[in-house]
Amino acid sequence: MEPGDFKKWRKGLKFSQKEAAHALGLKRRMIQYYEKGERDGDKVEIPLSVRLACFALAEGVEDYHGPNRKIRRREDKKADEPEAEKPKEKKKDREKEKIAEPA
């Protein structure tokens, strides 16, 4: 993975540098080094573990606990979130509507 590819990956997932760092378990500064391809004039290689983690995140995998366990994906997380409930209408509000209606 080249520095430009790394940046395209991050932007493709709509991650800020801070969000990408958090998702990969890195410091934001490392994200900057990987995107630039160098650190203090020295070339920076993106490690295999980071490249594989990028692939997993791009595929929607958020966590992995080993074989024979469910892989947690972003889609699963969204499905688990409760739908927003409508606020219950108060009795006073209903009474105001009745008064406002023309007779």
Foldseek 3Di string as FASTA:
>chain_A
DALCVLVCLCVVVPHDLCRLCVQQVHDSVVNVCSNVQHDPPHGDDDDPSSVVSSVCVSVFFRDDDDPPDDTDGPVVVVVPDDDDDDDDDDPVNVVVVVVPDDD
